[in-house]
Amino acid sequence: MFQLCADDFAFRRVGKLVQAIVVLAIAVTMLDVAWTTARVAV
């Protein structure tokens, strides 16, 4: 498994991850939520 994951690593897939992070960041700013330490930890 280690060899498969390392040898076939495809950094170009990071474009999808960046898109997801942007959507999550925007959603967090839109939420009417008090961001306590517990909520951030969860």
PDB file of all heavy atoms in Angstrom:
ATOM      1  N   MET A   1       0.829  -1.200   0.000  1.00  0.00           N
ATOM      2  CA  MET A   1       0.000   0.000   0.000  1.00  0.00           C
ATOM      3  C   MET A   1       0.864   1.251   0.000  1.00  0.00           C
ATOM      4  O   MET A   1       0.578   2.228  -0.700  1.00  0.00           O
ATOM      5  CB  MET A   1      -0.948   0.008   1.193  1.00  0.00           C
ATOM      6  CG  MET A   1      -1.955   1.148   1.141  1.00  0.00           C
ATOM      7  SD  MET A   1      -2.970   1.291   2.623  1.00  0.00           S
ATOM      8  CE  MET A   1      -3.683  -0.337   2.681  1.00  0.00           C
ATOM      9  N   PHE A   2       1.922   1.238   0.800  1.00  0.00           N
ATOM     10  CA  PHE A   2       2.839   2.378   0.849  1.00  0.00           C
ATOM     11  C   PHE A   2       3.404   2.659  -0.542  1.00  0.00           C
ATOM     12  O   PHE A   2       3.452   3.804  -0.990  1.00  0.00           O
ATOM     13  CB  PHE A   2       3.971   2.078   1.833  1.00  0.00           C
ATOM     14  CG  PHE A   2       4.996   3.181   1.935  1.00  0.00           C
ATOM     15  CD1 PHE A   2       4.847   4.204   2.846  1.00  0.00           C
ATOM     16  CD2 PHE A   2       6.115   3.184   1.101  1.00  0.00           C
ATOM     17  CE1 PHE A   2       5.785   5.222   2.941  1.00  0.00           C
ATOM     18  CE2 PHE A   2       7.050   4.187   1.180  1.00  0.00           C
ATOM     19  CZ  PHE A   2       6.891   5.214   2.104  1.00  0.00           C
ATOM     20  N   GLN A   3       3.821   1.597  -1.235  1.00  0.00           N
ATOM     21  CA  GLN A   3       4.399   1.768  -2.561  1.00  0.00           C
ATOM     22  C   GLN A   3       3.379   2.302  -3.562  1.00  0.00           C
ATOM     23  O   GLN A   3       3.685   3.187  -4.365  1.00  0.00           O
ATOM     24  CB  GLN A   3       4.962   0.442  -3.061  1.00  0.00           C
ATOM     25  CG  GLN A   3       6.154  -0.065  -2.260  1.00  0.00           C
ATOM     26  CD  GLN A   3       6.662  -1.375  -2.824  1.00  0.00           C
ATOM     27  OE1 GLN A   3       7.215  -1.423  -3.922  1.00  0.00           O
ATOM     28  NE2 GLN A   3       6.480  -2.449  -2.076  1.00  0.00           N
ATOM     29  N   LEU A   4       2.153   1.766  -3.516  1.00  0.00           N
ATOM     30  CA  LEU A   4       1.117   2.235  -4.428  1.00  0.00           C
ATOM     31  C   LEU A   4       0.824   3.721  -4.223  1.00  0.00           C
ATOM     32  O   LEU A   4       0.758   4.493  -5.180  1.00  0.00           O
ATOM     33  CB  LEU A   4      -0.168   1.432  -4.222  1.00  0.00           C
ATOM     34  CG  LEU A   4      -0.259   0.063  -4.872  1.00  0.00           C
ATOM     35  CD1 LEU A   4      -1.519  -0.650  -4.393  1.00  0.00           C
ATOM     36  CD2 LEU A   4      -0.258   0.171  -6.389  1.00  0.00           C
ATOM     37  N   CYS A   5       0.664   4.107  -2.963  1.00  0.00           N
ATOM     38  CA  CYS A   5       0.278   5.485  -2.658  1.00  0.00           C
ATOM     39  C   CYS A   5       1.389   6.474  -2.976  1.00  0.00           C
ATOM     40  O   CYS A   5       1.122   7.607  -3.383  1.00  0.00           O
ATOM     41  CB  CYS A   5      -0.130   5.603  -1.192  1.00  0.00           C
ATOM     42  SG  CYS A   5      -1.643   4.699  -0.793  1.00  0.00           S
ATOM     43  N   ALA A   6       2.636   6.057  -2.800  1.00  0.00           N
ATOM     44  CA  ALA A   6       3.762   6.953  -3.068  1.00  0.00           C
ATOM     45  C   ALA A   6       4.112   6.985  -4.553  1.00  0.00           C
ATOM     46  O   ALA A   6       4.328   8.053  -5.137  1.00  0.00           O
ATOM     47  CB  ALA A   6       4.978   6.522  -2.248  1.00  0.00           C
ATOM     48  N   ASP A   7       4.156   5.804  -5.174  1.00  0.00           N
ATOM     49  CA  ASP A   7       4.575   5.721  -6.571  1.00  0.00           C
ATOM     50  C   ASP A   7       3.561   6.347  -7.508  1.00  0.00           C
ATOM     51  O   ASP A   7       3.920   6.941  -8.528  1.00  0.00           O
ATOM     52  CB  ASP A   7       4.810   4.256  -6.951  1.00  0.00           C
ATOM     53  CG  ASP A   7       5.414   4.128  -8.338  1.00  0.00           C
ATOM     54  OD1 ASP A   7       6.407   4.819  -8.617  1.00  0.00           O
ATOM     55  OD2 ASP A   7       4.903   3.324  -9.135  1.00  0.00           O
ATOM     56  N   ASP A   8       2.260   6.237  -7.192  1.00  0.00           N
ATOM     57  CA  ASP A   8       1.209   6.787  -8.048  1.00  0.00           C
ATOM     58  C   ASP A   8       0.673   8.116  -7.529  1.00  0.00           C
ATOM     59  O   ASP A   8      -0.421   8.543  -7.919  1.00  0.00           O
ATOM     60  CB  ASP A   8       0.048   5.787  -8.168  1.00  0.00           C
ATOM     61  CG  ASP A   8       0.441   4.568  -8.987  1.00  0.00           C
ATOM     62  OD1 ASP A   8       1.279   4.719  -9.889  1.00  0.00           O
ATOM     63  OD2 ASP A   8      -0.076   3.472  -8.715  1.00  0.00           O
ATOM     64  N   PHE A   9       1.426   8.773  -6.643  1.00  0.00           N
ATOM     65  CA  PHE A   9       0.990  10.053  -6.088  1.00  0.00           C
ATOM     66  C   PHE A   9       0.769  11.060  -7.212  1.00  0.00           C
ATOM     67  O   PHE A   9       1.608  11.238  -8.096  1.00  0.00           O
ATOM     68  CB  PHE A   9       2.046  10.587  -5.119  1.00  0.00           C
ATOM     69  CG  PHE A   9       1.699  11.913  -4.512  1.00  0.00           C
ATOM     70  CD1 PHE A   9       0.828  11.989  -3.442  1.00  0.00           C
ATOM     71  CD2 PHE A   9       2.247  13.092  -5.010  1.00  0.00           C
ATOM     72  CE1 PHE A   9       0.509  13.208  -2.869  1.00  0.00           C
ATOM     73  CE2 PHE A   9       1.933  14.313  -4.444  1.00  0.00           C
ATOM     74  CZ  PHE A   9       1.068  14.371  -3.371  1.00  0.00           C
ATOM     75  N   ALA A  10      -0.387  11.719  -7.193  1.00  0.00           N
ATOM     76  CA  ALA A  10      -0.741  12.667  -8.255  1.00  0.00           C
ATOM     77  C   ALA A  10      -1.071  14.018  -7.631  1.00  0.00           C
ATOM     78  O   ALA A  10      -2.200  14.247  -7.193  1.00  0.00           O
ATOM     79  CB  ALA A  10      -1.904  12.145  -9.078  1.00  0.00           C
ATOM     80  N   PHE A  11      -0.091  14.908  -7.596  1.00  0.00           N
ATOM     81  CA  PHE A  11      -0.283  16.214  -6.983  1.00  0.00           C
ATOM     82  C   PHE A  11      -1.306  17.046  -7.753  1.00  0.00           C
ATOM     83  O   PHE A  11      -1.937  17.941  -7.182  1.00  0.00           O
ATOM     84  CB  PHE A  11       1.056  16.958  -6.935  1.00  0.00           C
ATOM     85  CG  PHE A  11       0.985  18.280  -6.223  1.00  0.00           C
ATOM     86  CD1 PHE A  11       0.856  18.333  -4.847  1.00  0.00           C
ATOM     87  CD2 PHE A  11       1.021  19.470  -6.943  1.00  0.00           C
ATOM     88  CE1 PHE A  11       0.786  19.547  -4.184  1.00  0.00           C
ATOM     89  CE2 PHE A  11       0.952  20.689  -6.289  1.00  0.00           C
ATOM     90  CZ  PHE A  11       0.838  20.721  -4.911  1.00  0.00           C
ATOM     91  N   ARG A  12      -1.490  16.734  -9.045  1.00  0.00           N
ATOM     92  CA  ARG A  12      -2.425  17.519  -9.850  1.00  0.00           C
ATOM     93  C   ARG A  12      -3.859  17.407  -9.341  1.00  0.00           C
ATOM     94  O   ARG A  12      -4.710  18.220  -9.692  1.00  0.00           O
ATOM     95  CB  ARG A  12      -2.356  17.081 -11.309  1.00  0.00           C
ATOM     96  CG  ARG A  12      -2.743  15.642 -11.568  1.00  0.00           C
ATOM     97  CD  ARG A  12      -2.554  15.267 -13.036  1.00  0.00           C
ATOM     98  NE  ARG A  12      -2.939  13.891 -13.317  1.00  0.00           N
ATOM     99  CZ  ARG A  12      -2.160  12.845 -13.168  1.00  0.00           C
ATOM    100  NH1 ARG A  12      -0.925  13.022 -12.717  1.00  0.00           N
ATOM    101  NH2 ARG A  12      -2.583  11.626 -13.455  1.00  0.00           N
ATOM    102  N   ARG A  13      -4.148  16.401  -8.507  1.00  0.00           N
ATOM    103  CA  ARG A  13      -5.491  16.269  -7.945  1.00  0.00           C
ATOM    104  C   ARG A  13      -5.789  17.331  -6.887  1.00  0.00           C
ATOM    105  O   ARG A  13      -6.918  17.447  -6.425  1.00  0.00           O
ATOM    106  CB  ARG A  13      -5.650  14.886  -7.313  1.00  0.00           C
ATOM    107  CG  ARG A  13      -5.609  13.741  -8.303  1.00  0.00           C
ATOM    108  CD  ARG A  13      -5.651  12.416  -7.591  1.00  0.00           C
ATOM    109  NE  ARG A  13      -5.642  11.298  -8.516  1.00  0.00           N
ATOM    110  CZ  ARG A  13      -5.477  10.040  -8.142  1.00  0.00           C
ATOM    111  NH1 ARG A  13      -5.316   9.742  -6.865  1.00  0.00           N
ATOM    112  NH2 ARG A  13      -5.475   9.072  -9.035  1.00  0.00           N
ATOM    113  N   VAL A  14      -4.770  18.091  -6.517  1.00  0.00           N
ATOM    114  CA  VAL A  14      -4.952  19.069  -5.443  1.00  0.00           C
ATOM    115  C   VAL A  14      -5.932  20.172  -5.850  1.00  0.00           C
ATOM    116  O   VAL A  14      -6.482  20.870  -4.991  1.00  0.00           O
ATOM    117  CB  VAL A  14      -3.580  19.668  -5.053  1.00  0.00           C
ATOM    118  CG1 VAL A  14      -3.103  20.709  -6.068  1.00  0.00           C
ATOM    119  CG2 VAL A  14      -3.637  20.281  -3.661  1.00  0.00           C
ATOM    120  N   GLY A  15      -6.182  20.337  -7.153  1.00  0.00           N
ATOM    121  CA  GLY A  15      -7.136  21.358  -7.597  1.00  0.00           C
ATOM    122  C   GLY A  15      -8.520  21.141  -6.996  1.00  0.00           C
ATOM    123  O   GLY A  15      -9.204  22.097  -6.608  1.00  0.00           O
ATOM    124  N   LYS A  16      -8.935  19.880  -6.904  1.00  0.00           N
ATOM    125  CA  LYS A  16     -10.236  19.569  -6.310  1.00  0.00           C
ATOM    126  C   LYS A  16     -10.238  19.885  -4.824  1.00  0.00           C
ATOM    127  O   LYS A  16     -11.243  20.357  -4.276  1.00  0.00           O
ATOM    128  CB  LYS A  16     -10.566  18.098  -6.554  1.00  0.00           C
ATOM    129  CG  LYS A  16     -10.721  17.743  -8.019  1.00  0.00           C
ATOM    130  CD  LYS A  16     -11.105  16.301  -8.217  1.00  0.00           C
ATOM    131  CE  LYS A  16      -9.951  15.350  -8.008  1.00  0.00           C
ATOM    132  NZ  LYS A  16     -10.265  13.952  -8.366  1.00  0.00           N
ATOM    133  N   LEU A  17      -9.108  19.627  -4.156  1.00  0.00           N
ATOM    134  CA  LEU A  17      -9.014  19.893  -2.728  1.00  0.00           C
ATOM    135  C   LEU A  17      -9.071  21.392  -2.441  1.00  0.00           C
ATOM    136  O   LEU A  17      -9.733  21.820  -1.489  1.00  0.00           O
ATOM    137  CB  LEU A  17      -7.707  19.296  -2.185  1.00  0.00           C
ATOM    138  CG  LEU A  17      -7.392  19.548  -0.711  1.00  0.00           C
ATOM    139  CD1 LEU A  17      -8.489  18.977   0.175  1.00  0.00           C
ATOM    140  CD2 LEU A  17      -6.038  18.938  -0.342  1.00  0.00           C
ATOM    141  N   VAL A  18      -8.403  22.189  -3.263  1.00  0.00           N
ATOM    142  CA  VAL A  18      -8.416  23.643  -3.076  1.00  0.00           C
ATOM    143  C   VAL A  18      -9.842  24.179  -3.194  1.00  0.00           C
ATOM    144  O   VAL A  18     -10.284  25.014  -2.407  1.00  0.00           O
ATOM    145  CB  VAL A  18      -7.493  24.326  -4.101  1.00  0.00           C
ATOM    146  CG1 VAL A  18      -7.682  25.845  -4.067  1.00  0.00           C
ATOM    147  CG2 VAL A  18      -6.034  23.977  -3.814  1.00  0.00           C
ATOM    148  N   GLN A  19     -10.570  23.689  -4.190  1.00  0.00           N
ATOM    149  CA  GLN A  19     -11.968  24.105  -4.368  1.00  0.00           C
ATOM    150  C   GLN A  19     -12.793  23.795  -3.134  1.00  0.00           C
ATOM    151  O   GLN A  19     -13.606  24.614  -2.683  1.00  0.00           O
ATOM    152  CB  GLN A  19     -12.544  23.390  -5.595  1.00  0.00           C
ATOM    153  CG  GLN A  19     -13.998  23.677  -5.878  1.00  0.00           C
ATOM    154  CD  GLN A  19     -14.924  22.654  -5.193  1.00  0.00           C
ATOM    155  OE1 GLN A  19     -16.039  22.957  -4.808  1.00  0.00           O
ATOM    156  NE2 GLN A  19     -14.446  21.437  -5.006  1.00  0.00           N
ATOM    157  N   ALA A  20     -12.594  22.614  -2.553  1.00  0.00           N
ATOM    158  CA  ALA A  20     -13.352  22.218  -1.362  1.00  0.00           C
ATOM    159  C   ALA A  20     -13.005  23.108  -0.171  1.00  0.00           C
ATOM    160  O   ALA A  20     -13.885  23.491   0.611  1.00  0.00           O
ATOM    161  CB  ALA A  20     -13.061  20.761  -1.034  1.00  0.00           C
ATOM    162  N   ILE A  21     -11.727  23.425  -0.025  1.00  0.00           N
ATOM    163  CA  ILE A  21     -11.295  24.286   1.083  1.00  0.00           C
ATOM    164  C   ILE A  21     -11.919  25.675   0.957  1.00  0.00           C
ATOM    165  O   ILE A  21     -12.362  26.274   1.951  1.00  0.00           O
ATOM    166  CB  ILE A  21      -9.760  24.376   1.126  1.00  0.00           C
ATOM    167  CG1 ILE A  21      -9.164  23.012   1.501  1.00  0.00           C
ATOM    168  CG2 ILE A  21      -9.302  25.444   2.115  1.00  0.00           C
ATOM    169  CD1 ILE A  21      -7.657  22.955   1.410  1.00  0.00           C
ATOM    170  N   VAL A  22     -11.979  26.202  -0.255  1.00  0.00           N
ATOM    171  CA  VAL A  22     -12.570  27.529  -0.481  1.00  0.00           C
ATOM    172  C   VAL A  22     -14.049  27.522  -0.104  1.00  0.00           C
ATOM    173  O   VAL A  22     -14.537  28.434   0.585  1.00  0.00           O
ATOM    174  CB  VAL A  22     -12.384  27.958  -1.950  1.00  0.00           C
ATOM    175  CG1 VAL A  22     -13.206  29.213  -2.254  1.00  0.00           C
ATOM    176  CG2 VAL A  22     -10.909  28.210  -2.248  1.00  0.00           C
ATOM    177  N   VAL A  23     -14.778  26.496  -0.539  1.00  0.00           N
ATOM    178  CA  VAL A  23     -16.209  26.410  -0.206  1.00  0.00           C
ATOM    179  C   VAL A  23     -16.403  26.315   1.303  1.00  0.00           C
ATOM    180  O   VAL A  23     -17.277  26.980   1.876  1.00  0.00           O
ATOM    181  CB  VAL A  23     -16.858  25.200  -0.908  1.00  0.00           C
ATOM    182  CG1 VAL A  23     -18.289  24.991  -0.399  1.00  0.00           C
ATOM    183  CG2 VAL A  23     -16.873  25.403  -2.414  1.00  0.00           C
ATOM    184  N   LEU A  24     -15.588  25.498   1.970  1.00  0.00           N
ATOM    185  CA  LEU A  24     -15.708  25.351   3.423  1.00  0.00           C
ATOM    186  C   LEU A  24     -15.413  26.672   4.128  1.00  0.00           C
ATOM    187  O   LEU A  24     -16.121  27.055   5.074  1.00  0.00           O
ATOM    188  CB  LEU A  24     -14.756  24.259   3.921  1.00  0.00           C
ATOM    189  CG  LEU A  24     -14.721  24.051   5.437  1.00  0.00           C
ATOM    190  CD1 LEU A  24     -16.107  23.693   5.972  1.00  0.00           C
ATOM    191  CD2 LEU A  24     -13.715  22.956   5.813  1.00  0.00           C
ATOM    192  N   ALA A  25     -14.381  27.381   3.683  1.00  0.00           N
ATOM    193  CA  ALA A  25     -14.020  28.657   4.308  1.00  0.00           C
ATOM    194  C   ALA A  25     -15.161  29.666   4.161  1.00  0.00           C
ATOM    195  O   ALA A  25     -15.490  30.397   5.115  1.00  0.00           O
ATOM    196  CB  ALA A  25     -12.741  29.201   3.675  1.00  0.00           C
ATOM    197  N   ILE A  26     -15.777  29.713   2.990  1.00  0.00           N
ATOM    198  CA  ILE A  26     -16.893  30.638   2.770  1.00  0.00           C
ATOM    199  C   ILE A  26     -18.090  30.239   3.635  1.00  0.00           C
ATOM    200  O   ILE A  26     -18.752  31.090   4.240  1.00  0.00           O
ATOM    201  CB  ILE A  26     -17.288  30.657   1.280  1.00  0.00           C
ATOM    202  CG1 ILE A  26     -16.153  31.254   0.448  1.00  0.00           C
ATOM    203  CG2 ILE A  26     -18.579  31.444   1.074  1.00  0.00           C
ATOM    204  CD1 ILE A  26     -16.385  31.183  -1.052  1.00  0.00           C
ATOM    205  N   ALA A  27     -18.357  28.934   3.722  1.00  0.00           N
ATOM    206  CA  ALA A  27     -19.482  28.466   4.535  1.00  0.00           C
ATOM    207  C   ALA A  27     -19.301  28.829   6.001  1.00  0.00           C
ATOM    208  O   ALA A  27     -20.253  29.249   6.669  1.00  0.00           O
ATOM    209  CB  ALA A  27     -19.625  26.950   4.382  1.00  0.00           C
ATOM    210  N   VAL A  28     -18.072  28.670   6.499  1.00  0.00           N
ATOM    211  CA  VAL A  28     -17.795  28.985   7.903  1.00  0.00           C
ATOM    212  C   VAL A  28     -18.072  30.460   8.195  1.00  0.00           C
ATOM    213  O   VAL A  28     -18.621  30.817   9.248  1.00  0.00           O
ATOM    214  CB  VAL A  28     -16.341  28.616   8.252  1.00  0.00           C
ATOM    215  CG1 VAL A  28     -15.933  29.224   9.594  1.00  0.00           C
ATOM    216  CG2 VAL A  28     -16.178  27.096   8.293  1.00  0.00           C
ATOM    217  N   THR A  29     -17.715  31.342   7.268  1.00  0.00           N
ATOM    218  CA  THR A  29     -17.950  32.775   7.476  1.00  0.00           C
ATOM    219  C   THR A  29     -19.431  33.128   7.388  1.00  0.00           C
ATOM    220  O   THR A  29     -19.865  34.133   7.967  1.00  0.00           O
ATOM    221  CB  THR A  29     -17.172  33.603   6.440  1.00  0.00           C
ATOM    222  OG1 THR A  29     -17.625  33.267   5.112  1.00  0.00           O
ATOM    223  CG2 THR A  29     -15.677  33.320   6.541  1.00  0.00           C
ATOM    224  N   MET A  30     -20.209  32.321   6.682  1.00  0.00           N
ATOM    225  CA  MET A  30     -21.640  32.596   6.512  1.00  0.00           C
ATOM    226  C   MET A  30     -22.484  32.063   7.663  1.00  0.00           C
ATOM    227  O   MET A  30     -23.613  32.523   7.870  1.00  0.00           O
ATOM    228  CB  MET A  30     -22.140  31.968   5.200  1.00  0.00           C
ATOM    229  CG  MET A  30     -21.591  32.607   3.937  1.00  0.00           C
ATOM    230  SD  MET A  30     -22.096  31.661   2.449  1.00  0.00           S
ATOM    231  CE  MET A  30     -23.896  31.713   2.599  1.00  0.00           C
ATOM    232  N   LEU A  31     -21.973  31.116   8.414  1.00  0.00           N
ATOM    233  CA  LEU A  31     -22.761  30.479   9.463  1.00  0.00           C
ATOM    234  C   LEU A  31     -23.002  31.427  10.637  1.00  0.00           C
ATOM    235  O   LEU A  31     -22.111  32.168  11.049  1.00  0.00           O
ATOM    236  CB  LEU A  31     -22.055  29.224   9.965  1.00  0.00           C
ATOM    237  CG  LEU A  31     -22.017  28.032   9.002  1.00  0.00           C
ATOM    238  CD1 LEU A  31     -21.104  26.948   9.556  1.00  0.00           C
ATOM    239  CD2 LEU A  31     -23.422  27.476   8.779  1.00  0.00           C
ATOM    240  N   ASP A  32     -24.196  31.352  11.167  1.00  0.00           N
ATOM    241  CA  ASP A  32     -24.532  32.123  12.369  1.00  0.00           C
ATOM    242  C   ASP A  32     -24.243  31.239  13.584  1.00  0.00           C
ATOM    243  O   ASP A  32     -25.162  30.735  14.247  1.00  0.00           O
ATOM    244  CB  ASP A  32     -26.004  32.537  12.324  1.00  0.00           C
ATOM    245  CG  ASP A  32     -26.375  33.437  13.494  1.00  0.00           C
ATOM    246  OD1 ASP A  32     -25.453  33.996  14.131  1.00  0.00           O
ATOM    247  OD2 ASP A  32     -27.581  33.552  13.774  1.00  0.00           O
ATOM    248  N   VAL A  33     -22.949  31.043  13.845  1.00  0.00           N
ATOM    249  CA  VAL A  33     -22.505  30.137  14.899  1.00  0.00           C
ATOM    250  C   VAL A  33     -21.448  30.831  15.748  1.00  0.00           C
ATOM    251  O   VAL A  33     -20.558  31.510  15.219  1.00  0.00           O
ATOM    252  CB  VAL A  33     -21.917  28.835  14.299  1.00  0.00           C
ATOM    253  CG1 VAL A  33     -21.237  28.005  15.368  1.00  0.00           C
ATOM    254  CG2 VAL A  33     -23.023  28.025  13.634  1.00  0.00           C
ATOM    255  N   ALA A  34     -21.542  30.664  17.060  1.00  0.00           N
ATOM    256  CA  ALA A  34     -20.502  31.160  17.965  1.00  0.00           C
ATOM    257  C   ALA A  34     -19.371  30.128  17.995  1.00  0.00           C
ATOM    258  O   ALA A  34     -19.548  29.033  18.534  1.00  0.00           O
ATOM    259  CB  ALA A  34     -21.069  31.381  19.365  1.00  0.00           C
ATOM    260  N   TRP A  35     -18.232  30.487  17.428  1.00  0.00           N
ATOM    261  CA  TRP A  35     -17.141  29.525  17.289  1.00  0.00           C
ATOM    262  C   TRP A  35     -16.352  29.409  18.595  1.00  0.00           C
ATOM    263  O   TRP A  35     -15.332  30.051  18.789  1.00  0.00           O
ATOM    264  CB  TRP A  35     -16.232  29.911  16.123  1.00  0.00           C
ATOM    265  CG  TRP A  35     -16.881  29.621  14.808  1.00  0.00           C
ATOM    266  CD1 TRP A  35     -17.500  30.510  13.975  1.00  0.00           C
ATOM    267  CD2 TRP A  35     -17.032  28.336  14.204  1.00  0.00           C
ATOM    268  NE1 TRP A  35     -18.023  29.868  12.882  1.00  0.00           N
ATOM    269  CE2 TRP A  35     -17.748  28.529  12.986  1.00  0.00           C
ATOM    270  CE3 TRP A  35     -16.635  27.047  14.561  1.00  0.00           C
ATOM    271  CZ2 TRP A  35     -18.063  27.470  12.139  1.00  0.00           C
ATOM    272  CZ3 TRP A  35     -16.959  25.993  13.713  1.00  0.00           C
ATOM    273  CH2 TRP A  35     -17.654  26.208  12.520  1.00  0.00           C
ATOM    274  N   THR A  36     -16.871  28.570  19.467  1.00  0.00           N
ATOM    275  CA  THR A  36     -16.189  28.282  20.727  1.00  0.00           C
ATOM    276  C   THR A  36     -15.024  27.329  20.471  1.00  0.00           C
ATOM    277  O   THR A  36     -14.882  26.746  19.391  1.00  0.00           O
ATOM    278  CB  THR A  36     -17.166  27.632  21.720  1.00  0.00           C
ATOM    279  OG1 THR A  36     -17.618  26.377  21.169  1.00  0.00           O
ATOM    280  CG2 THR A  36     -18.370  28.525  21.973  1.00  0.00           C
ATOM    281  N   THR A  37     -14.191  27.176  21.501  1.00  0.00           N
ATOM    282  CA  THR A  37     -13.065  26.245  21.385  1.00  0.00           C
ATOM    283  C   THR A  37     -13.542  24.834  21.097  1.00  0.00           C
ATOM    284  O   THR A  37     -12.947  24.104  20.295  1.00  0.00           O
ATOM    285  CB  THR A  37     -12.235  26.254  22.680  1.00  0.00           C
ATOM    286  OG1 THR A  37     -11.773  27.586  22.940  1.00  0.00           O
ATOM    287  CG2 THR A  37     -11.030  25.326  22.558  1.00  0.00           C
ATOM    288  N   ALA A  38     -14.639  24.439  21.728  1.00  0.00           N
ATOM    289  CA  ALA A  38     -15.179  23.090  21.526  1.00  0.00           C
ATOM    290  C   ALA A  38     -15.635  22.891  20.082  1.00  0.00           C
ATOM    291  O   ALA A  38     -15.380  21.842  19.476  1.00  0.00           O
ATOM    292  CB  ALA A  38     -16.338  22.845  22.484  1.00  0.00           C
ATOM    293  N   ARG A  39     -16.320  23.892  19.519  1.00  0.00           N
ATOM    294  CA  ARG A  39     -16.791  23.763  18.146  1.00  0.00           C
ATOM    295  C   ARG A  39     -15.618  23.706  17.159  1.00  0.00           C
ATOM    296  O   ARG A  39     -15.641  22.935  16.199  1.00  0.00           O
ATOM    297  CB  ARG A  39     -17.723  24.923  17.793  1.00  0.00           C
ATOM    298  CG  ARG A  39     -19.135  24.776  18.360  1.00  0.00           C
ATOM    299  CD  ARG A  39     -20.085  25.766  17.709  1.00  0.00           C
ATOM    300  NE  ARG A  39     -21.471  25.458  18.010  1.00  0.00           N
ATOM    301  CZ  ARG A  39     -22.172  26.034  18.977  1.00  0.00           C
ATOM    302  NH1 ARG A  39     -21.590  26.962  19.748  1.00  0.00           N
ATOM    303  NH2 ARG A  39     -23.437  25.697  19.183  1.00  0.00           N
ATOM    304  N   VAL A  40     -14.610  24.521  17.376  1.00  0.00           N
ATOM    305  CA  VAL A  40     -13.434  24.490  16.507  1.00  0.00           C
ATOM    306  C   VAL A  40     -12.748  23.128  16.602  1.00  0.00           C
ATOM    307  O   VAL A  40     -12.314  22.556  15.592  1.00  0.00           O
ATOM    308  CB  VAL A  40     -12.450  25.619  16.880  1.00  0.00           C
ATOM    309  CG1 VAL A  40     -11.144  25.478  16.102  1.00  0.00           C
ATOM    310  CG2 VAL A  40     -13.078  26.980  16.607  1.00  0.00           C
ATOM    311  N   ALA A  41     -12.664  22.591  17.816  1.00  0.00           N
ATOM    312  CA  ALA A  41     -12.033  21.281  18.011  1.00  0.00           C
ATOM    313  C   ALA A  41     -12.821  20.185  17.298  1.00  0.00           C
ATOM    314  O   ALA A  41     -12.232  19.294  16.671  1.00  0.00           O
ATOM    315  CB  ALA A  41     -11.920  20.976  19.503  1.00  0.00           C
ATOM    316  N   VAL A  42     -14.154  20.249  17.392  1.00  0.00           N
ATOM    317  CA  VAL A  42     -14.984  19.241  16.720  1.00  0.00           C
ATOM    318  C   VAL A  42     -14.835  19.358  15.202  1.00  0.00           C
ATOM    319  O   VAL A  42     -14.767  18.342  14.497  1.00  0.00           O
ATOM    320  CB  VAL A  42     -16.460  19.381  17.138  1.00  0.00           C
ATOM    321  CG1 VAL A  42     -17.353  18.508  16.261  1.00  0.00           C
ATOM    322  CG2 VAL A  42     -16.635  18.997  18.594  1.00  0.00           C
TER     323      VAL A  42
END
